[in-house]
Amino acid sequence: MSMKAFWNEKAETMSRDELAACQSARLRELVKSTFERSPAFRGKMDKAGLKPADIKAAEDLGRLPFMSKEDFRVQYPLGMLCAEREDLREMHMSSGSTGTPVVMAYTDADLNQWAECVARCYFMAGIKAGDTIQITPSFGLFNGGFGFYHGARKAGLFVIPAGAGNTERQLRLMKDFGVKGLMGVVSYGLRILDVLQQQKTAIPSLKIGIFGAETFSEGMRERIQNGLGIEAFDIYGMTETGGVGTTGMDCPFHCGIHVWEDQYIVEVVDPKSGSPLEDGECGEVVFTSLQRQAIPIIRFRTGDLTRVLSRKRCECGRTSLRLDRITGRVDDMLIIKGVNFFPRQIEQALMEIPGVLPHYQIIVEENDGVRDLRVNVEVRPGVTGFMVEKHLKERLGFSPKGDVFPAGALERQEGKAKRVFFGKPG
């Protein structure tokens, strides 16, 4: 494929000076309009002693207060709306631990902005107008299926809107229609691989997989690429930013996630203090949307952990900054026997062991207030529990308990995989 494939070359190749000017102009308008339309945002501005005129350029962004999921929950369902109710065309939402969902509403302009971002992702991955894709996330309140769909319509793709589940039918559709691109979560890609291996067949037309919603290690990416014979891309976006693909994806050089900086300003801050971090330092990602109308976000703390890798022009030609792939979330770090780590580190360690299969469970057990870790994993014949334990100890600094199982023994999910359990799975 051509490494110079752009959906919107002008926007994707702006100089850093052009990007800064674009961001500053759009930020000024965003702050002014949100201040006028959102009592909640105006209250925060008043509390901070700020007026819209105080925000003159992107460099002033740090003066503004943060937003979080709690703002969405307190203002449920549409208390944060900055558009007229009659101008709304669609909504999506994600559930939360409090039971109050996070709602994102869309005007026509918002849907077009979402589609624009996803169309850029498709072309960056080498999917072009007329190509056939299959969308496997569900079409419902969660945003995945519709996000891929809106972008595909804008990019002129032929869409197989399969939705979730029924893997045998999914495979038949891929074969019958010569599907080039698979859209979904990486754990469902593994499910497809399982069934193909059982059938001892393949899908020659399938070349590209775009996976979102789950963090996955480089080792897992290699497993799914080798197993399905595809190139796998890591797409980024969340309900609060407007949905899948809104904030970016990695390019064919796989050297970080390109953020669509004409659409979003990204910051990386210390998770505890909220202070800005230097490029290269790992912290919490903060997004400000520059073009969204119904429910814009200003300094939204995502809870996702990563770092800025580079602001230089990429080999692919794009000039947007690149984030490292998401390490985990602020709230999913595990502390076992005094060692701090994220589930993705366990996945990466497992994928380094020859004969270990990409299905595993991380079980956090607690006895008399003391936490311990169990790692169950499927393996090929010849791989022993001792081999797995030894490698995990080398990588983690302690020896988790666990067992090895033959292929197919651990429970599967049709959609997004559950990897970490507190107590027994199920």
Foldseek 3Di string as FASTA:
>chain_A
DALQFFPDQCLQQDDPVVLQVLQQVLVLVVQQLQCVQAPVQVVQCVVLVHDSVVRRGPVCLVSGDAAEQVVQQVCPPQNQFSDDPVQWDDKAWDADPVRRIRIDTAGPQLLVLLLNLLLRVCRLAPHAAAAEEEEAAADDRAFRLVSNVSNCVVRNYHYHDPYFDPLVVVVVVCQVVLHAEYEAALQLLVVNLVVCVVVVHARVSHAEYEHEDDFADPLSQVVSCVSHVYHYKYWDDHNQLSHTRSQFIAGPVRPATFGSSSFKDKFFAAAPPRHGDDAPDKGWIFIFGRRGRTRTGRRYTDQWIWGWDDQPQDPSSGRGTGIHGTQGGNPQWDAAPNFTGHPNLLQVLQSVDPFWDNDKAWEWEADPRHIAIEIETEGDPPDFPVNSQVSCCVRGVHGGHYGYDHPPPDDGDRHDDDHYHYPDDD
